[in-house]
Amino acid sequence: MMNRQKLLMMLATTLAVAAGVGHGRPVAAAQGGSAMGVAIDQFLRAQTAGLPGTVSYNVGAIDTRSPLPACAAHEVFLPPGARLWGKAHVGVRCSAPSNWTIYVPVSVQVHGSYLMASRPLPPGHPLTAADVTTASGDLAMLPAGVAQDLSQVIGRSTAAPVAAGQPLRADLLRAPVVIQQGQSVRLVARGRGFEVSAEGRALAHAQLGQVVQVRGPSGQTVHGIARHDAVVEVNN
């Protein structure tokens, strides 16, 4: 009789463990593996939808050495300062029935086209279409600011020597000088339904998009953004 009772108790314990009953279980057992995985996948799909190129990602293994209670709903979030680009982490938070937070490693690949130098380029060289070629690869593995469109490089000049096959980054290029010191320029202020312009004289050289000081017609000094065709755009 005693042996039968022991056998029944052992069988009940085995079934309880298989069903996930109890406390202090590893993450994989407590969460069933799928609920948290689905939440992370949905979060990554939404957060990477606007990235340039074809996106793929891998979710790293969850550390099962730290036991967690079961969770009714997982809240996935991006830690402050983090970016889903290359190797990163996402946080997973639970508020019911228990409070806990863990961080899961992820790897985000963004396959797309980018521009690189087709030949060695000296400093100060104005870029033309012949100086540029297209390559493709994982953008997340490249330095920040790599150009992907010809409009980002044509007309700009190199700020330093660029080797053949080197990706063209924003910090390697300079915008063209469109305003010369002492040049007569047209100050333009635009608003909703109106545009006001006046003549002025530039007090310094300025590259495209750079802030430049201009002496206005009444002698006052104003600041504006250097544009093409000797135009300085003044913000209201």
Protein backbone atom coordinates (compact mmCIF):
# COMPACT_ATOMS: atom_id res chain seq x y z
CA MET A 1 0.00 0.00 0.00
CA MET A 2 2.82 2.35 0.94
CA ASN A 3 4.64 1.61 -2.30
CA ARG A 4 1.49 2.43 -4.26
CA GLN A 5 1.11 5.78 -2.48
CA LYS A 6 4.73 6.67 -3.20
CA LEU A 7 4.23 5.73 -6.84
CA LEU A 8 1.15 7.97 -7.11
CA MET A 9 2.99 10.88 -5.48
CA MET A 10 5.94 10.49 -7.86
CA LEU A 11 3.56 10.39 -10.84
CA ALA A 12 1.73 13.55 -9.66
CA THR A 13 5.05 15.37 -9.20
CA THR A 14 6.18 14.38 -12.67
CA LEU A 15 2.95 15.62 -14.25
CA ALA A 16 3.15 18.92 -12.32
CA VAL A 17 6.68 19.57 -13.50
CA ALA A 18 5.73 18.73 -17.09
CA ALA A 19 2.81 21.15 -16.87
CA GLY A 20 5.08 23.90 -15.54
CA VAL A 21 3.55 24.02 -12.05
CA GLY A 22 5.72 25.56 -9.34
CA HIS A 23 7.96 28.58 -8.74
CA GLY A 24 11.51 29.55 -9.59
CA ARG A 25 11.57 27.88 -12.98
CA PRO A 26 14.06 28.89 -15.69
CA VAL A 27 12.82 31.49 -18.23
CA ALA A 28 12.37 28.96 -21.02
CA ALA A 29 10.14 26.78 -18.89
CA ALA A 30 8.25 29.61 -17.19
CA GLN A 31 7.44 31.45 -20.41
CA GLY A 32 7.03 28.42 -22.60
CA GLY A 33 9.61 30.04 -24.91
CA SER A 34 6.94 31.19 -27.36
CA ALA A 35 5.07 34.05 -25.67
CA MET A 36 8.17 36.13 -25.05
CA GLY A 37 9.58 35.24 -28.46
CA VAL A 38 6.41 36.38 -30.24
CA ALA A 39 6.40 39.67 -28.31
CA ILE A 40 10.05 40.35 -29.20
CA ASP A 41 9.47 39.44 -32.85
CA GLN A 42 6.46 41.77 -33.13
CA PHE A 43 8.43 44.60 -31.52
CA LEU A 44 11.42 44.14 -33.84
CA ARG A 45 9.20 44.01 -36.94
CA ALA A 46 7.51 47.28 -36.00
CA GLN A 47 10.68 49.10 -34.94
CA THR A 48 12.77 48.14 -37.99
CA ALA A 49 10.06 48.72 -40.62
CA GLY A 50 11.43 52.14 -41.58
CA LEU A 51 15.09 51.20 -41.91
CA PRO A 52 16.69 51.60 -45.36
CA GLY A 53 17.19 48.30 -47.17
CA THR A 54 16.15 44.73 -46.46
CA VAL A 55 16.05 44.03 -42.74
CA SER A 56 16.68 40.73 -40.99
CA TYR A 57 17.36 40.07 -37.34
CA ASN A 58 18.33 37.37 -34.91
CA VAL A 59 17.29 37.11 -31.28
CA GLY A 60 19.96 35.82 -28.93
CA ALA A 61 19.46 33.15 -26.32
CA ILE A 62 17.63 34.10 -23.14
CA ASP A 63 19.65 33.40 -20.02
CA THR A 64 17.83 30.53 -18.33
CA ARG A 65 20.10 30.55 -15.25
CA SER A 66 18.00 33.31 -13.62
CA PRO A 67 14.55 31.85 -12.86
CA LEU A 68 11.53 34.06 -13.58
CA PRO A 69 7.88 33.62 -12.65
CA ALA A 70 5.31 33.30 -15.39
CA CYS A 71 4.06 36.51 -17.05
CA ALA A 72 0.58 37.39 -18.26
CA ALA A 73 1.81 39.89 -20.88
CA HIS A 74 5.29 40.89 -22.00
CA GLU A 75 6.16 44.54 -22.68
CA VAL A 76 9.16 44.84 -24.99
CA PHE A 77 11.06 48.14 -25.07
CA LEU A 78 14.28 49.69 -26.33
CA PRO A 79 16.65 50.84 -23.56
CA PRO A 80 17.49 54.58 -23.52
CA GLY A 81 20.19 55.45 -26.03
CA ALA A 82 19.96 52.06 -27.75
CA ARG A 83 19.43 51.65 -31.48
CA LEU A 84 18.25 48.62 -33.43
CA TRP A 85 21.27 48.60 -35.71
CA GLY A 86 23.87 45.86 -35.59
CA LYS A 87 24.32 44.31 -32.15
CA ALA A 88 21.90 45.64 -29.54
CA HIS A 89 19.64 44.65 -26.66
CA VAL A 90 15.91 44.91 -26.11
CA GLY A 91 14.27 44.94 -22.71
CA VAL A 92 11.37 42.70 -21.74
CA ARG A 93 9.25 43.88 -18.80
CA CYS A 94 6.53 42.08 -16.89
CA SER A 95 4.12 43.79 -14.49
CA ALA A 96 1.64 41.02 -13.68
CA PRO A 97 1.41 38.80 -11.82
CA SER A 98 5.06 39.55 -10.88
CA ASN A 99 7.37 42.47 -11.65
CA TRP A 100 10.61 41.72 -13.45
CA THR A 101 12.75 43.01 -16.33
CA ILE A 102 15.38 41.27 -18.43
CA TYR A 103 17.49 42.30 -21.43
CA VAL A 104 17.78 40.10 -24.50
CA PRO A 105 20.58 40.41 -27.10
CA VAL A 106 19.53 40.96 -30.72
CA SER A 107 21.42 41.40 -33.97
CA VAL A 108 19.91 43.53 -36.75
CA GLN A 109 21.19 43.30 -40.32
CA VAL A 110 20.21 45.91 -42.92
CA HIS A 111 21.14 44.82 -46.42
CA GLY A 112 21.15 47.67 -48.93
CA SER A 113 23.09 49.68 -51.48
CA TYR A 114 25.67 52.33 -50.64
CA LEU A 115 28.18 54.49 -52.48
CA MET A 116 31.95 54.16 -52.53
CA ALA A 117 34.82 55.75 -54.40
CA SER A 118 35.50 54.19 -57.79
CA ARG A 119 39.11 55.44 -57.77
CA PRO A 120 41.55 57.20 -55.42
CA LEU A 121 40.42 60.76 -54.75
CA PRO A 122 42.68 63.58 -53.51
CA PRO A 123 41.57 66.16 -50.93
CA GLY A 124 39.45 68.98 -52.35
CA HIS A 125 38.30 66.93 -55.33
CA PRO A 126 34.77 67.85 -56.55
CA LEU A 127 32.84 64.63 -56.93
CA THR A 128 31.20 63.64 -60.19
CA ALA A 129 29.30 60.49 -61.18
CA ALA A 130 32.55 59.02 -62.57
CA ASP A 131 34.10 59.10 -59.09
CA VAL A 132 31.37 56.99 -57.52
CA THR A 133 30.27 53.39 -57.75
CA THR A 134 27.54 51.39 -56.03
CA ALA A 135 28.07 48.45 -53.72
CA SER A 136 25.77 46.42 -51.52
CA GLY A 137 26.14 44.87 -48.10
CA ASP A 138 25.10 45.03 -44.47
CA LEU A 139 24.74 48.75 -43.76
CA ALA A 140 24.83 48.05 -40.03
CA MET A 141 28.44 46.89 -40.40
CA LEU A 142 29.55 50.11 -42.12
CA PRO A 143 30.60 53.38 -40.49
CA ALA A 144 27.84 55.85 -39.67
CA GLY A 145 26.86 58.38 -42.33
CA VAL A 146 27.58 56.30 -45.43
CA ALA A 147 25.92 57.85 -48.50
CA GLN A 148 23.26 55.85 -50.31
CA ASP A 149 22.11 58.33 -52.95
CA LEU A 150 24.03 60.30 -55.60
CA SER A 151 22.35 63.52 -54.46
CA GLN A 152 24.28 63.18 -51.20
CA VAL A 153 27.69 63.29 -52.89
CA ILE A 154 27.59 64.88 -56.36
CA GLY A 155 28.82 68.48 -56.20
CA ARG A 156 30.54 68.00 -52.86
CA SER A 157 34.31 67.83 -52.49
CA THR A 158 36.53 65.49 -50.53
CA ALA A 159 37.75 66.75 -47.15
CA ALA A 160 40.58 64.17 -47.03
CA PRO A 161 42.15 61.55 -49.29
CA VAL A 162 39.70 58.77 -50.18
CA ALA A 163 40.94 55.36 -51.28
CA ALA A 164 39.37 53.39 -54.12
CA GLY A 165 36.58 51.20 -52.75
CA GLN A 166 36.23 53.28 -49.57
CA PRO A 167 32.61 53.98 -48.55
CA LEU A 168 31.74 57.66 -48.95
CA ARG A 169 30.78 59.03 -45.57
CA ALA A 170 29.34 62.43 -44.75
CA ASP A 171 32.37 63.38 -42.67
CA LEU A 172 34.67 62.77 -45.67
CA LEU A 173 32.82 65.29 -47.84
CA ARG A 174 32.39 69.04 -47.86
CA ALA A 175 29.46 70.94 -49.27
CA PRO A 176 30.34 73.38 -52.08
CA VAL A 177 31.02 77.02 -51.21
CA VAL A 178 28.01 78.92 -52.57
CA ILE A 179 28.55 82.31 -50.88
CA GLN A 180 31.79 84.33 -51.08
CA GLN A 181 32.83 86.94 -48.56
CA GLY A 182 31.79 90.39 -49.78
CA GLN A 183 29.38 88.94 -52.33
CA SER A 184 26.04 90.62 -52.90
CA VAL A 185 23.29 88.23 -51.84
CA ARG A 186 19.51 88.19 -51.68
CA LEU A 187 18.02 87.85 -48.20
CA VAL A 188 14.78 85.89 -48.32
CA ALA A 189 12.28 85.44 -45.49
CA ARG A 190 9.31 83.15 -46.13
CA GLY A 191 6.18 82.58 -44.14
CA ARG A 192 2.67 81.29 -44.64
CA GLY A 193 1.42 83.00 -47.77
CA PHE A 194 4.19 85.57 -48.10
CA GLU A 195 7.82 86.08 -49.12
CA VAL A 196 9.99 89.13 -48.38
CA SER A 197 13.40 89.74 -49.94
CA ALA A 198 16.12 92.38 -49.64
CA GLU A 199 19.68 92.86 -50.80
CA GLY A 200 22.64 92.32 -48.49
CA ARG A 201 26.36 91.65 -48.45
CA ALA A 202 27.92 88.44 -47.13
CA LEU A 203 30.45 88.92 -44.32
CA ALA A 204 32.10 85.49 -44.80
CA HIS A 205 32.38 82.50 -47.09
CA ALA A 206 29.68 79.87 -46.61
CA GLN A 207 29.09 76.34 -47.79
CA LEU A 208 25.71 75.12 -48.92
CA GLY A 209 23.44 74.84 -45.89
CA GLN A 210 25.86 76.70 -43.60
CA VAL A 211 24.88 79.66 -41.43
CA VAL A 212 26.36 82.94 -42.72
CA GLN A 213 26.30 86.55 -41.50
CA VAL A 214 24.95 89.15 -43.89
CA ARG A 215 24.85 92.93 -43.57
CA GLY A 216 21.38 94.10 -44.51
CA PRO A 217 20.37 97.26 -46.41
CA SER A 218 19.99 99.34 -43.25
CA GLY A 219 23.36 98.21 -41.86
CA GLN A 220 22.04 95.60 -39.44
CA THR A 221 23.66 92.15 -39.32
CA VAL A 222 21.44 89.12 -39.82
CA HIS A 223 22.07 85.38 -39.89
CA GLY A 224 20.74 83.03 -42.54
CA ILE A 225 21.25 79.71 -44.33
CA ALA A 226 23.37 79.77 -47.48
CA ARG A 227 21.53 78.47 -50.53
CA HIS A 228 22.27 78.25 -54.24
CA ASP A 229 22.10 81.30 -56.54
CA ALA A 230 23.43 83.74 -53.89
CA VAL A 231 20.33 83.34 -51.72
CA VAL A 232 20.47 83.51 -47.93
CA GLU A 233 17.36 82.15 -46.25
CA VAL A 234 16.42 83.97 -43.05
CA ASN A 235 14.31 82.16 -40.47
CA ASN A 236 11.48 84.11 -38.91
